[in-house]
Amino acid sequence: MRREVRFSGFGGQGIILSAVILGRAAVMYDHKFAVQTQVYGPEARGGASMSAVIIDDAEILYPKVADPDIFVIMSQEGFEKYGASARSDAVMILDSTLVHSRPGCTFHEIPATAEARKTLGRDIVANIVMLGALVGYTHVVSEESLKKAILDSVPKGTEALNTRAMELGGTLAGGKNQS
């Protein structure tokens, strides 16, 4: 089954890393096909950024996300630029700490930045909290695959923090995501 996932936020939130991790989980551990693309403005930190992943059971012939069915939105500007026109049957996970608008599709509010700061003491892992919530709500990849991909991708010495961030996202989504 083909899934098109669009991540958006501002530079410095780990938007591109999130898409890379999701694609890695799909390809390396769930044995699916995936392709990842990204867009960011000249203001590397602070400007709107977007990254997208296509995940499919079959080969992907065209790498551009044309009609996302899943959105992960981490900033108001990211919502306005990349999420406001989400189709009505899409699913959106949004960081309710930083996104104030609400879409016309099904959405789930996750206070990722606030919870990462409060619970983990580091708002820099809010993107990993959002990945945990994404998998908790959509099961686009398995929890185990996501965990392995996170551990492959994060800086050495931060594995425990990032694992806790993923688990926090799953808990906030009402799922398990517990090790």
C-alpha atoms as a PDB file:
ATOM      1  CA  MET A   1       0.000   0.000   0.000  1.00  0.00           C
ATOM      2  CA  ARG A   2       1.371   3.397  -0.999  1.00  0.00           C
ATOM      3  CA  ARG A   3       1.664   6.103   1.670  1.00  0.00           C
ATOM      4  CA  GLU A   4       2.822   9.650   1.000  1.00  0.00           C
ATOM      5  CA  VAL A   5       4.038  11.469   4.118  1.00  0.00           C
ATOM      6  CA  ARG A   6       4.900  15.171   4.233  1.00  0.00           C
ATOM      7  CA  PHE A   7       6.848  16.646   7.159  1.00  0.00           C
ATOM      8  CA  SER A   8       7.019  20.412   7.611  1.00  0.00           C
ATOM      9  CA  GLY A   9       8.298  22.870  10.153  1.00  0.00           C
ATOM     10  CA  PHE A  10      11.173  25.300  10.385  1.00  0.00           C
ATOM     11  CA  GLY A  11      14.873  24.755   9.848  1.00  0.00           C
ATOM     12  CA  GLY A  12      16.562  23.307  12.909  1.00  0.00           C
ATOM     13  CA  GLN A  13      13.631  21.123  14.026  1.00  0.00           C
ATOM     14  CA  GLY A  14      14.936  17.972  12.382  1.00  0.00           C
ATOM     15  CA  ILE A  15      12.294  17.875   9.650  1.00  0.00           C
ATOM     16  CA  ILE A  16      14.647  16.339   7.096  1.00  0.00           C
ATOM     17  CA  LEU A  17      16.135  13.900   9.610  1.00  0.00           C
ATOM     18  CA  SER A  18      12.610  12.737  10.489  1.00  0.00           C
ATOM     19  CA  ALA A  19      11.888  11.856   6.871  1.00  0.00           C
ATOM     20  CA  VAL A  20      15.255  10.118   6.502  1.00  0.00           C
ATOM     21  CA  ILE A  21      14.564   8.040   9.625  1.00  0.00           C
ATOM     22  CA  LEU A  22      11.085   7.098   8.410  1.00  0.00           C
ATOM     23  CA  GLY A  23      12.414   6.085   4.990  1.00  0.00           C
ATOM     24  CA  ARG A  24      15.213   4.061   6.604  1.00  0.00           C
ATOM     25  CA  ALA A  25      12.714   2.257   8.840  1.00  0.00           C
ATOM     26  CA  ALA A  26      10.590   1.357   5.817  1.00  0.00           C
ATOM     27  CA  VAL A  27      13.445   0.163   3.591  1.00  0.00           C
ATOM     28  CA  MET A  28      15.926  -1.416   5.970  1.00  0.00           C
ATOM     29  CA  TYR A  29      13.642  -2.953   8.562  1.00  0.00           C
ATOM     30  CA  ASP A  30      10.122  -3.266   7.084  1.00  0.00           C
ATOM     31  CA  HIS A  31      11.515  -4.327   3.673  1.00  0.00           C
ATOM     32  CA  LYS A  32       9.433  -1.856   1.678  1.00  0.00           C
ATOM     33  CA  PHE A  33      10.368   0.632  -1.002  1.00  0.00           C
ATOM     34  CA  ALA A  34      10.820   4.279  -0.049  1.00  0.00           C
ATOM     35  CA  VAL A  35      12.053   7.539  -1.493  1.00  0.00           C
ATOM     36  CA  GLN A  36      12.717  10.764   0.406  1.00  0.00           C
ATOM     37  CA  THR A  37      12.836  14.349  -0.904  1.00  0.00           C
ATOM     38  CA  GLN A  38      13.339  17.704   0.795  1.00  0.00           C
ATOM     39  CA  VAL A  39      12.856  21.430   0.344  1.00  0.00           C
ATOM     40  CA  TYR A  40      14.161  24.229   2.510  1.00  0.00           C
ATOM     41  CA  GLY A  41      14.648  27.929   2.024  1.00  0.00           C
ATOM     42  CA  PRO A  42      17.897  29.876   2.177  1.00  0.00           C
ATOM     43  CA  GLU A  43      17.351  30.502   5.878  1.00  0.00           C
ATOM     44  CA  ALA A  44      18.602  27.067   6.992  1.00  0.00           C
ATOM     45  CA  ARG A  45      17.579  27.688  10.594  1.00  0.00           C
ATOM     46  CA  GLY A  46      14.253  29.358  11.153  1.00  0.00           C
ATOM     47  CA  GLY A  47      12.896  29.270   7.582  1.00  0.00           C
ATOM     48  CA  ALA A  48      10.183  26.869   6.479  1.00  0.00           C
ATOM     49  CA  SER A  49      11.385  23.419   5.561  1.00  0.00           C
ATOM     50  CA  MET A  50       9.634  20.406   4.128  1.00  0.00           C
ATOM     51  CA  SER A  51      10.603  16.825   3.594  1.00  0.00           C
ATOM     52  CA  ALA A  52       8.557  14.014   2.181  1.00  0.00           C
ATOM     53  CA  VAL A  53       8.660  10.233   2.033  1.00  0.00           C
ATOM     54  CA  ILE A  54       6.840   7.827  -0.229  1.00  0.00           C
ATOM     55  CA  ILE A  55       6.545   4.301   1.169  1.00  0.00           C
ATOM     56  CA  ASP A  56       5.181   1.489  -0.961  1.00  0.00           C
ATOM     57  CA  ASP A  57       5.162  -2.284  -1.267  1.00  0.00           C
ATOM     58  CA  ALA A  58       6.029  -1.902  -4.963  1.00  0.00           C
ATOM     59  CA  GLU A  59       8.839  -0.038  -6.713  1.00  0.00           C
ATOM     60  CA  ILE A  60       8.391   3.728  -6.741  1.00  0.00           C
ATOM     61  CA  LEU A  61       8.638   5.093 -10.265  1.00  0.00           C
ATOM     62  CA  TYR A  62       8.144   8.799  -9.539  1.00  0.00           C
ATOM     63  CA  PRO A  63       9.887  10.228  -6.448  1.00  0.00           C
ATOM     64  CA  LYS A  64       7.833  13.369  -5.835  1.00  0.00           C
ATOM     65  CA  VAL A  65       5.015  13.395  -3.297  1.00  0.00           C
ATOM     66  CA  ALA A  66       2.048  14.604  -5.301  1.00  0.00           C
ATOM     67  CA  ASP A  67      -0.862  14.035  -2.943  1.00  0.00           C
ATOM     68  CA  PRO A  68       0.170  13.334   0.664  1.00  0.00           C
ATOM     69  CA  ASP A  69      -2.190  11.279   2.772  1.00  0.00           C
ATOM     70  CA  ILE A  70      -0.220  11.827   6.005  1.00  0.00           C
ATOM     71  CA  PHE A  71       1.168  15.113   7.344  1.00  0.00           C
ATOM     72  CA  VAL A  72       3.480  15.812  10.277  1.00  0.00           C
ATOM     73  CA  ILE A  73       3.416  19.567  10.948  1.00  0.00           C
ATOM     74  CA  MET A  74       5.748  21.183  13.485  1.00  0.00           C
ATOM     75  CA  SER A  75       5.330  24.944  12.934  1.00  0.00           C
ATOM     76  CA  GLN A  76       2.616  27.433  12.029  1.00  0.00           C
ATOM     77  CA  GLU A  77       4.515  28.552   8.927  1.00  0.00           C
ATOM     78  CA  GLY A  78       4.950  24.902   7.938  1.00  0.00           C
ATOM     79  CA  PHE A  79       1.198  24.417   8.286  1.00  0.00           C
ATOM     80  CA  GLU A  80       0.398  27.475   6.200  1.00  0.00           C
ATOM     81  CA  LYS A  81       2.887  26.627   3.467  1.00  0.00           C
ATOM     82  CA  TYR A  82       2.611  22.832   3.283  1.00  0.00           C
ATOM     83  CA  GLY A  83      -0.421  21.629   5.259  1.00  0.00           C
ATOM     84  CA  ALA A  84      -3.313  24.070   4.947  1.00  0.00           C
ATOM     85  CA  SER A  85      -4.518  22.503   1.702  1.00  0.00           C
ATOM     86  CA  ALA A  86      -4.480  18.903   2.960  1.00  0.00           C
ATOM     87  CA  ARG A  87      -7.120  16.776   1.320  1.00  0.00           C
ATOM     88  CA  SER A  88     -10.144  15.985   3.479  1.00  0.00           C
ATOM     89  CA  ASP A  89      -9.296  12.279   3.899  1.00  0.00           C
ATOM     90  CA  ALA A  90      -5.692  12.943   4.979  1.00  0.00           C
ATOM     91  CA  VAL A  91      -4.393  12.439   8.515  1.00  0.00           C
ATOM     92  CA  MET A  92      -2.367  15.206  10.162  1.00  0.00           C
ATOM     93  CA  ILE A  93      -0.262  15.005  13.293  1.00  0.00           C
ATOM     94  CA  LEU A  94       0.552  18.511  14.463  1.00  0.00           C
ATOM     95  CA  ASP A  95       2.711  19.929  17.213  1.00  0.00           C
ATOM     96  CA  SER A  96       0.077  21.795  19.209  1.00  0.00           C
ATOM     97  CA  THR A  97       2.834  23.723  20.986  1.00  0.00           C
ATOM     98  CA  LEU A  98       3.705  25.618  17.791  1.00  0.00           C
ATOM     99  CA  VAL A  99       0.808  25.120  15.354  1.00  0.00           C
ATOM    100  CA  HIS A 100      -2.307  27.156  16.071  1.00  0.00           C
ATOM    101  CA  SER A 101      -4.389  26.525  12.936  1.00  0.00           C
ATOM    102  CA  ARG A 102      -6.420  23.364  12.457  1.00  0.00           C
ATOM    103  CA  PRO A 103      -6.970  21.553   9.156  1.00  0.00           C
ATOM    104  CA  GLY A 104     -10.141  20.325   7.493  1.00  0.00           C
ATOM    105  CA  CYS A 105      -8.917  16.723   7.651  1.00  0.00           C
ATOM    106  CA  THR A 106      -8.578  14.280  10.537  1.00  0.00           C
ATOM    107  CA  PHE A 107      -5.901  15.591  12.875  1.00  0.00           C
ATOM    108  CA  HIS A 108      -4.177  14.703  16.116  1.00  0.00           C
ATOM    109  CA  GLU A 109      -2.665  17.312  18.420  1.00  0.00           C
ATOM    110  CA  ILE A 110       0.627  16.342  20.050  1.00  0.00           C
ATOM    111  CA  PRO A 111       2.335  18.928  22.289  1.00  0.00           C
ATOM    112  CA  ALA A 112       5.692  17.559  21.142  1.00  0.00           C
ATOM    113  CA  THR A 113       7.913  20.573  21.772  1.00  0.00           C
ATOM    114  CA  ALA A 114       6.423  21.319  25.188  1.00  0.00           C
ATOM    115  CA  GLU A 115       6.518  17.672  26.285  1.00  0.00           C
ATOM    116  CA  ALA A 116      10.063  17.137  24.991  1.00  0.00           C
ATOM    117  CA  ARG A 117      11.163  20.158  27.024  1.00  0.00           C
ATOM    118  CA  LYS A 118       9.153  19.261  30.145  1.00  0.00           C
ATOM    119  CA  THR A 119       9.555  15.483  30.224  1.00  0.00           C
ATOM    120  CA  LEU A 120      12.955  14.989  28.594  1.00  0.00           C
ATOM    121  CA  GLY A 121      14.580  18.368  29.246  1.00  0.00           C
ATOM    122  CA  ARG A 122      15.463  18.787  25.549  1.00  0.00           C
ATOM    123  CA  ASP A 123      13.085  20.308  22.992  1.00  0.00           C
ATOM    124  CA  ILE A 124      15.562  19.301  20.250  1.00  0.00           C
ATOM    125  CA  VAL A 125      14.003  15.788  20.280  1.00  0.00           C
ATOM    126  CA  ALA A 126      10.480  17.029  19.516  1.00  0.00           C
ATOM    127  CA  ASN A 127      10.847  15.607  15.994  1.00  0.00           C
ATOM    128  CA  ILE A 128      11.441  12.147  17.452  1.00  0.00           C
ATOM    129  CA  VAL A 129       8.401  12.595  19.704  1.00  0.00           C
ATOM    130  CA  MET A 130       6.428  13.351  16.530  1.00  0.00           C
ATOM    131  CA  LEU A 131       7.806  10.222  14.814  1.00  0.00           C
ATOM    132  CA  GLY A 132       6.626   8.119  17.766  1.00  0.00           C
ATOM    133  CA  ALA A 133       3.182   9.706  17.525  1.00  0.00           C
ATOM    134  CA  LEU A 134       3.122   9.258  13.735  1.00  0.00           C
ATOM    135  CA  VAL A 135       3.695   5.517  14.064  1.00  0.00           C
ATOM    136  CA  GLY A 136       1.279   5.324  16.993  1.00  0.00           C
ATOM    137  CA  TYR A 137      -1.526   6.822  14.901  1.00  0.00           C
ATOM    138  CA  THR A 138      -0.805   5.522  11.397  1.00  0.00           C
ATOM    139  CA  HIS A 139       1.379   2.395  11.697  1.00  0.00           C
ATOM    140  CA  VAL A 140       3.074   3.537   8.475  1.00  0.00           C
ATOM    141  CA  VAL A 141       6.106   1.535   9.679  1.00  0.00           C
ATOM    142  CA  SER A 142       6.410  -0.801  12.638  1.00  0.00           C
ATOM    143  CA  GLU A 143       7.443   0.528  16.044  1.00  0.00           C
ATOM    144  CA  GLU A 144      10.439  -1.810  16.118  1.00  0.00           C
ATOM    145  CA  SER A 145      11.606  -0.635  12.685  1.00  0.00           C
ATOM    146  CA  LEU A 146      11.258   2.992  13.730  1.00  0.00           C
ATOM    147  CA  LYS A 147      13.284   2.389  16.880  1.00  0.00           C
ATOM    148  CA  LYS A 148      16.079   0.661  14.947  1.00  0.00           C
ATOM    149  CA  ALA A 149      16.154   3.459  12.342  1.00  0.00           C
ATOM    150  CA  ILE A 150      16.312   6.103  15.072  1.00  0.00           C
ATOM    151  CA  LEU A 151      19.202   4.318  16.755  1.00  0.00           C
ATOM    152  CA  ASP A 152      20.996   4.105  13.381  1.00  0.00           C
ATOM    153  CA  SER A 153      20.523   7.818  12.721  1.00  0.00           C
ATOM    154  CA  VAL A 154      21.035   9.803  15.913  1.00  0.00           C
ATOM    155  CA  PRO A 155      24.403  10.963  17.272  1.00  0.00           C
ATOM    156  CA  LYS A 156      26.269   8.517  19.482  1.00  0.00           C
ATOM    157  CA  GLY A 157      25.528   9.128  23.127  1.00  0.00           C
ATOM    158  CA  THR A 158      21.934  10.270  22.470  1.00  0.00           C
ATOM    159  CA  GLU A 159      20.377   6.849  21.871  1.00  0.00           C
ATOM    160  CA  ALA A 160      18.627   6.620  25.262  1.00  0.00           C
ATOM    161  CA  LEU A 161      17.237  10.164  24.999  1.00  0.00           C
ATOM    162  CA  ASN A 162      15.911   9.550  21.484  1.00  0.00           C
ATOM    163  CA  THR A 163      14.401   6.197  22.454  1.00  0.00           C
ATOM    164  CA  ARG A 164      12.584   7.889  25.329  1.00  0.00           C
ATOM    165  CA  ALA A 165      11.405  10.622  22.915  1.00  0.00           C
ATOM    166  CA  MET A 166       9.963   8.011  20.537  1.00  0.00           C
ATOM    167  CA  GLU A 167       8.242   6.251  23.436  1.00  0.00           C
ATOM    168  CA  LEU A 168       6.841   9.572  24.675  1.00  0.00           C
ATOM    169  CA  GLY A 169       5.335  10.207  21.236  1.00  0.00           C
ATOM    170  CA  GLY A 170       3.686   6.802  21.264  1.00  0.00           C
ATOM    171  CA  THR A 171       2.302   7.438  24.734  1.00  0.00           C
ATOM    172  CA  LEU A 172       0.948  10.835  23.684  1.00  0.00           C
ATOM    173  CA  ALA A 173      -0.701   9.121  20.712  1.00  0.00           C
ATOM    174  CA  GLY A 174      -2.401   6.723  23.116  1.00  0.00           C
ATOM    175  CA  GLY A 175      -0.302   3.783  21.958  1.00  0.00           C
ATOM    176  CA  LYS A 176       2.379   1.695  23.570  1.00  0.00           C
ATOM    177  CA  ASN A 177       5.729   2.550  21.922  1.00  0.00           C
ATOM    178  CA  GLN A 178       7.281   1.332  25.152  1.00  0.00           C
ATOM    179  CA  SER A 179      10.477  -0.719  25.254  1.00  0.00           C
END
